[in-house]
């Protein structure tokens, strides 16, 4: 038992050595790819058409039409971190399900760390999205379906940590957090697909089948996306290794006190 939660014998709580060794490499490669992607976005990629309909639209009480603005370069950061937040929440749900079926505290730890990573990417998405809205639409916020569902997702993720801090019993905390994490993850595909489900949404649809990004835009976008995913994986492995080492130190101290 560890903190009232059963830990399976073997290597689960010990981590995976090869993944720990790959973590720094992924961080380095992710930083490199993201940097190259951003440099290409500002040097070779053309300006992106602004969001909006084919005709001027009333947004936040202001008439806004499609425009060519340098602020659209935020796209190459905003979309990768948003996708990374969805993927991180997917792992929150995955590890939550694994915990509920095994009661192995190692999965609860991984679910919590995946949610921490999701929150980091969510905050970056919200910050970059607010900048884009301000420079593109002339407003700081509007209750667009995509923005609203993503805002709800952010509140759910924050609520996840509030829930964890409100429960003292480790086993109950892990169980409730696993269920809550799974429920929070349900909002991720809704937020991703809402612009397709609600045609009146003013938020642009990035991934479409009728047209694609030209190579000059696609390459930096893919580099930035790959870089962010690698950074996310590297941060997850680094945080997991740090937590496992802390657990070992605490276990050794407990043995010494006994």
Foldseek 3Di string as FASTA:
>chain_A
DPLQFDADPDCLLVDDPVLLVCLVVLLVLLVVLQVVLLVLLVPQAAFDWFFFDCAFDQFPNDTAHIDGDPLCSLVLVQVLLLVLLLVLLVLLQVLLVVCVVPSHVSSLVLSLLSLVLSLVSLVVNLVSVQSSCCVRVVDRDDVFPLVVLSVVLNVLSVVLVVQLVVDSRPSVSSNVSNVSSNVSSVSSVCSLCVCVVDVVGRDDNQDDDVDHDDPSNVSSSVSSNSSSNSSSSSVSSVVSNVVSVVVVVVVVVVVVVD
